[in-house]
Amino acid sequence: MARLLAIDYGLKRTGIAVTDELQIIASGLTTVATSELIPFLKDYTTKEKVELFLIGEPKQMDNTPSESEAFISPFIKKLEKLFPDIEIKRVDERFTSKMAFKTMIDSGLNKKQRKNKALIDEISATLILQSYLYSK
């Protein structure tokens, strides 16, 4: 089997999480500068087999798309062209940043560590991936 890869897309940084080959365990992989995201994904997919990209879908409380969707849609179109053999699905990402921050507190990270926005993005991507795995 191939891995599932979740992307918590942001204007500056993007959190990335992956499953194991059996698609059982979701783990944070890294956070990359969004400007380096496509080269990172090209490199990663040459080394590891990926069958699905899960992209966080930011929504408002009334279920309408958030403002950041305007930046995510062009990214998805680019992904579709560059990786035509990898399916793309969207996953509601409401509250993932808050849940990531709570996870950091629950795991005992100190205040300075909790200010690490890159870690929050990576944990958010992991939560997106876990949410998808639970729904399957």
C-alpha atoms as a PDB file:
ATOM      1  CA  MET A   1       0.000   0.000   0.000  1.00  0.00           C
ATOM      2  CA  ALA A   2       0.985   3.615  -0.400  1.00  0.00           C
ATOM      3  CA  ARG A   3       1.019   6.429   2.119  1.00  0.00           C
ATOM      4  CA  LEU A   4      -1.594   9.127   2.621  1.00  0.00           C
ATOM      5  CA  LEU A   5      -0.166  12.632   2.932  1.00  0.00           C
ATOM      6  CA  ALA A   6      -2.016  15.488   4.659  1.00  0.00           C
ATOM      7  CA  ILE A   7      -1.290  19.142   3.962  1.00  0.00           C
ATOM      8  CA  ASP A   8      -2.214  22.029   6.256  1.00  0.00           C
ATOM      9  CA  TYR A   9      -1.612  24.783   3.716  1.00  0.00           C
ATOM     10  CA  GLY A  10      -0.647  28.244   4.901  1.00  0.00           C
ATOM     11  CA  LEU A  11       0.639  31.381   3.208  1.00  0.00           C
ATOM     12  CA  LYS A  12       4.029  31.214   4.949  1.00  0.00           C
ATOM     13  CA  ARG A  13       4.331  27.650   6.246  1.00  0.00           C
ATOM     14  CA  THR A  14       2.675  24.348   5.436  1.00  0.00           C
ATOM     15  CA  GLY A  15       2.367  21.468   7.866  1.00  0.00           C
ATOM     16  CA  ILE A  16       2.706  17.952   6.480  1.00  0.00           C
ATOM     17  CA  ALA A  17       1.728  14.610   7.989  1.00  0.00           C
ATOM     18  CA  VAL A  18       1.825  11.087   6.566  1.00  0.00           C
ATOM     19  CA  THR A  19       0.603   7.613   7.340  1.00  0.00           C
ATOM     20  CA  ASP A  20       2.636   4.459   7.435  1.00  0.00           C
ATOM     21  CA  GLU A  21       2.376   2.198   4.373  1.00  0.00           C
ATOM     22  CA  LEU A  22      -0.534   0.296   5.946  1.00  0.00           C
ATOM     23  CA  GLN A  23      -2.417   3.594   6.418  1.00  0.00           C
ATOM     24  CA  ILE A  24      -2.986   2.964  10.116  1.00  0.00           C
ATOM     25  CA  ILE A  25      -0.860   5.531  11.939  1.00  0.00           C
ATOM     26  CA  ALA A  26      -0.828   9.289  11.259  1.00  0.00           C
ATOM     27  CA  SER A  27       2.458  11.011  12.087  1.00  0.00           C
ATOM     28  CA  GLY A  28       3.670  14.555  11.703  1.00  0.00           C
ATOM     29  CA  LEU A  29       6.353  14.677   9.017  1.00  0.00           C
ATOM     30  CA  THR A  30       7.538  18.288   8.873  1.00  0.00           C
ATOM     31  CA  THR A  31       6.668  21.898   8.244  1.00  0.00           C
ATOM     32  CA  VAL A  32       8.047  23.515   5.106  1.00  0.00           C
ATOM     33  CA  ALA A  33       8.054  27.050   3.809  1.00  0.00           C
ATOM     34  CA  THR A  34       5.089  27.236   1.450  1.00  0.00           C
ATOM     35  CA  SER A  35       7.395  28.576  -1.272  1.00  0.00           C
ATOM     36  CA  GLU A  36       9.289  25.246  -1.039  1.00  0.00           C
ATOM     37  CA  LEU A  37       6.203  23.013  -0.866  1.00  0.00           C
ATOM     38  CA  ILE A  38       6.050  21.845  -4.491  1.00  0.00           C
ATOM     39  CA  PRO A  39       9.772  20.937  -4.646  1.00  0.00           C
ATOM     40  CA  PHE A  40       9.382  19.138  -1.298  1.00  0.00           C
ATOM     41  CA  LEU A  41       6.395  17.117  -2.565  1.00  0.00           C
ATOM     42  CA  LYS A  42       8.188  16.245  -5.821  1.00  0.00           C
ATOM     43  CA  ASP A  43      11.173  14.975  -3.860  1.00  0.00           C
ATOM     44  CA  TYR A  44       9.050  13.107  -1.301  1.00  0.00           C
ATOM     45  CA  THR A  45       6.904  11.357  -3.914  1.00  0.00           C
ATOM     46  CA  THR A  46       9.991  10.101  -5.757  1.00  0.00           C
ATOM     47  CA  LYS A  47      11.166   8.424  -2.533  1.00  0.00           C
ATOM     48  CA  GLU A  48       7.814   7.276  -1.128  1.00  0.00           C
ATOM     49  CA  LYS A  49       4.661   6.020  -2.803  1.00  0.00           C
ATOM     50  CA  VAL A  50       1.731   8.341  -2.045  1.00  0.00           C
ATOM     51  CA  GLU A  51      -1.794   7.452  -3.126  1.00  0.00           C
ATOM     52  CA  LEU A  52      -3.732  10.387  -1.690  1.00  0.00           C
ATOM     53  CA  PHE A  53      -3.176  14.039  -0.812  1.00  0.00           C
ATOM     54  CA  LEU A  54      -5.506  15.295   1.912  1.00  0.00           C
ATOM     55  CA  ILE A  55      -5.796  19.055   1.871  1.00  0.00           C
ATOM     56  CA  GLY A  56      -7.276  20.950   4.790  1.00  0.00           C
ATOM     57  CA  GLU A  57     -10.470  22.774   3.886  1.00  0.00           C
ATOM     58  CA  PRO A  58     -10.860  25.897   6.025  1.00  0.00           C
ATOM     59  CA  LYS A  59     -14.461  26.858   6.649  1.00  0.00           C
ATOM     60  CA  GLN A  60     -16.295  29.510   8.611  1.00  0.00           C
ATOM     61  CA  MET A  61     -18.677  28.509  11.383  1.00  0.00           C
ATOM     62  CA  ASP A  62     -21.600  28.883   8.942  1.00  0.00           C
ATOM     63  CA  ASN A  63     -19.930  26.286   6.657  1.00  0.00           C
ATOM     64  CA  THR A  64     -18.898  28.815   3.995  1.00  0.00           C
ATOM     65  CA  PRO A  65     -15.304  28.783   2.704  1.00  0.00           C
ATOM     66  CA  SER A  66     -12.855  30.913   4.667  1.00  0.00           C
ATOM     67  CA  GLU A  67     -10.783  33.664   3.066  1.00  0.00           C
ATOM     68  CA  SER A  68      -7.720  31.413   2.815  1.00  0.00           C
ATOM     69  CA  GLU A  69      -9.563  29.167   0.355  1.00  0.00           C
ATOM     70  CA  ALA A  70      -8.656  31.728  -2.330  1.00  0.00           C
ATOM     71  CA  PHE A  71      -4.990  30.708  -1.885  1.00  0.00           C
ATOM     72  CA  ILE A  72      -5.611  26.977  -1.511  1.00  0.00           C
ATOM     73  CA  SER A  73      -7.645  26.488  -4.713  1.00  0.00           C
ATOM     74  CA  PRO A  74      -4.805  27.560  -7.077  1.00  0.00           C
ATOM     75  CA  PHE A  75      -2.429  25.303  -5.130  1.00  0.00           C
ATOM     76  CA  ILE A  76      -4.775  22.342  -5.632  1.00  0.00           C
ATOM     77  CA  LYS A  77      -4.988  23.022  -9.373  1.00  0.00           C
ATOM     78  CA  LYS A  78      -1.189  22.993  -9.513  1.00  0.00           C
ATOM     79  CA  LEU A  79      -1.099  19.704  -7.568  1.00  0.00           C
ATOM     80  CA  GLU A  80      -3.583  18.129  -9.983  1.00  0.00           C
ATOM     81  CA  LYS A  81      -1.343  19.019 -12.943  1.00  0.00           C
ATOM     82  CA  LEU A  82       1.943  17.978 -11.326  1.00  0.00           C
ATOM     83  CA  PHE A  83       0.677  14.767  -9.699  1.00  0.00           C
ATOM     84  CA  PRO A  84      -2.118  13.455 -11.955  1.00  0.00           C
ATOM     85  CA  ASP A  85      -1.856   9.934 -10.501  1.00  0.00           C
ATOM     86  CA  ILE A  86      -2.380  11.026  -6.893  1.00  0.00           C
ATOM     87  CA  GLU A  87      -5.968  11.543  -5.768  1.00  0.00           C
ATOM     88  CA  ILE A  88      -6.795  14.729  -3.848  1.00  0.00           C
ATOM     89  CA  LYS A  89      -9.445  14.962  -1.137  1.00  0.00           C
ATOM     90  CA  ARG A  90     -10.445  17.822   1.121  1.00  0.00           C
ATOM     91  CA  VAL A  91     -10.902  17.533   4.881  1.00  0.00           C
ATOM     92  CA  ASP A  92     -12.648  20.084   7.100  1.00  0.00           C
ATOM     93  CA  GLU A  93      -9.912  21.696   9.163  1.00  0.00           C
ATOM     94  CA  ARG A  94     -12.015  23.823  11.500  1.00  0.00           C
ATOM     95  CA  PHE A  95     -10.526  23.926  14.988  1.00  0.00           C
ATOM     96  CA  THR A  96      -7.343  22.007  14.062  1.00  0.00           C
ATOM     97  CA  SER A  97      -5.070  24.865  15.164  1.00  0.00           C
ATOM     98  CA  LYS A  98      -6.855  25.123  18.510  1.00  0.00           C
ATOM     99  CA  MET A  99      -6.752  21.343  18.925  1.00  0.00           C
ATOM    100  CA  ALA A 100      -3.051  21.347  18.010  1.00  0.00           C
ATOM    101  CA  PHE A 101      -2.351  23.958  20.671  1.00  0.00           C
ATOM    102  CA  LYS A 102      -4.294  21.924  23.260  1.00  0.00           C
ATOM    103  CA  THR A 103      -2.330  18.822  22.240  1.00  0.00           C
ATOM    104  CA  MET A 104       0.881  20.730  22.875  1.00  0.00           C
ATOM    105  CA  ILE A 105      -0.319  21.726  26.353  1.00  0.00           C
ATOM    106  CA  ASP A 106      -1.490  18.186  27.124  1.00  0.00           C
ATOM    107  CA  SER A 107       1.872  16.773  26.087  1.00  0.00           C
ATOM    108  CA  GLY A 108       3.655  19.038  28.550  1.00  0.00           C
ATOM    109  CA  LEU A 109       5.376  21.464  26.192  1.00  0.00           C
ATOM    110  CA  ASN A 110       6.456  24.678  27.867  1.00  0.00           C
ATOM    111  CA  LYS A 111       5.300  28.158  26.821  1.00  0.00           C
ATOM    112  CA  LYS A 112       8.280  28.772  24.544  1.00  0.00           C
ATOM    113  CA  GLN A 113       7.777  25.450  22.741  1.00  0.00           C
ATOM    114  CA  ARG A 114       4.056  26.181  22.295  1.00  0.00           C
ATOM    115  CA  LYS A 115       4.912  29.405  20.430  1.00  0.00           C
ATOM    116  CA  ASN A 116       6.550  27.318  17.688  1.00  0.00           C
ATOM    117  CA  LYS A 117       4.060  27.942  14.864  1.00  0.00           C
ATOM    118  CA  ALA A 118       5.767  25.390  12.623  1.00  0.00           C
ATOM    119  CA  LEU A 119       5.022  22.695  15.196  1.00  0.00           C
ATOM    120  CA  ILE A 120       1.390  23.821  15.394  1.00  0.00           C
ATOM    121  CA  ASP A 121       1.133  23.499  11.576  1.00  0.00           C
ATOM    122  CA  GLU A 122       2.626  19.999  11.647  1.00  0.00           C
ATOM    123  CA  ILE A 123       0.296  18.887  14.445  1.00  0.00           C
ATOM    124  CA  SER A 124      -2.654  20.421  12.555  1.00  0.00           C
ATOM    125  CA  ALA A 125      -1.753  18.362   9.477  1.00  0.00           C
ATOM    126  CA  THR A 126      -1.602  15.272  11.692  1.00  0.00           C
ATOM    127  CA  LEU A 127      -5.061  16.048  13.077  1.00  0.00           C
ATOM    128  CA  ILE A 128      -6.417  16.453   9.527  1.00  0.00           C
ATOM    129  CA  LEU A 129      -4.968  13.051   8.650  1.00  0.00           C
ATOM    130  CA  GLN A 130      -6.271  11.391  11.827  1.00  0.00           C
ATOM    131  CA  SER A 131      -9.718  12.831  11.172  1.00  0.00           C
ATOM    132  CA  TYR A 132      -9.705  11.276   7.702  1.00  0.00           C
ATOM    133  CA  LEU A 133      -8.495   7.899   9.006  1.00  0.00           C
ATOM    134  CA  TYR A 134     -11.241   7.838  11.648  1.00  0.00           C
ATOM    135  CA  SER A 135     -13.877   8.587   9.020  1.00  0.00           C
ATOM    136  CA  LYS A 136     -12.835   5.652   6.836  1.00  0.00           C
END
